[in-house]
Amino acid sequence: MTDATRFQFNNPSVPKAYDEFFVPRLFEPWAKLLLEAADLRRGESVLDVATGPGTVARLAAVRVGAEGRVVAIDIAQPMLDIAKAKAPPPGAAPIEYLNSPAAPLPAAAGAFDAVLCQQGLQFFPDRAAALREMRRVLKPGGRAAIAVWAELERNQIFASFHAALHDGAPAALGELIVAPFSWPSGAALKSAAEDAGFRDVRLSTPALP
């Protein structure tokens, strides 16, 4: 994560706008797709990496139920403050929110049935280490569900916005637009996961209507 991007996530006004505007329109619909891929079951233990305002963690807590367990981490305390302020969903697993980087993770080896990471991996300073840590904390037979944006050129609205900013806008502003789309490709994600020790890696490229 660059200094400019880190500043945005730690600026208290940004997480609030993120939660109010982007979560219901973008990140909650995507989170539901991620959870379908993860196939969570009641009673399971789940780690949500880069939880942000807790969107994925809260949906996961409902899926695993009160007998389950959810731990959610993020390096941006303002995001965690928003997540912690929300009332727990009825009948859901308790959620433990921790301020932590993605590598190292604050968990023992084999601690979780599932690891989730929505739109966080591309921001980590050491992506390979983060993937290895996700693999380390999974139980034998556990599974991970990871989502990153496709390449910028495949997201036409953002690509057009970036092109417009490129002509005359400050470089840091253009960087903030590009950062979410900085993962090279789906094939690169699959290869990186396999290099980290994951097996039976499946790649899908869903699109929201």
Foldseek 3Di string as FASTA:
>chain_A
DDPLQLCQLQPLVNLVCCVVPVCVPPVLVVLVVLCVVQVDAAQFEEEEEQCQLNNNVLVNQQRNFQNHEYEYEHQHVSRVVNNVPDDRDPRGHDYHYDNDHLPQDPAAFQQGQEYEYELPLLPHPDNLRSLLNRNRNHHVNHYYGYDADAAPVVVPVLVVVLVVCVPPHDPSVSCNSRSSRPDHHQVSVQVSNVVSPDPPDDTDDDDDD
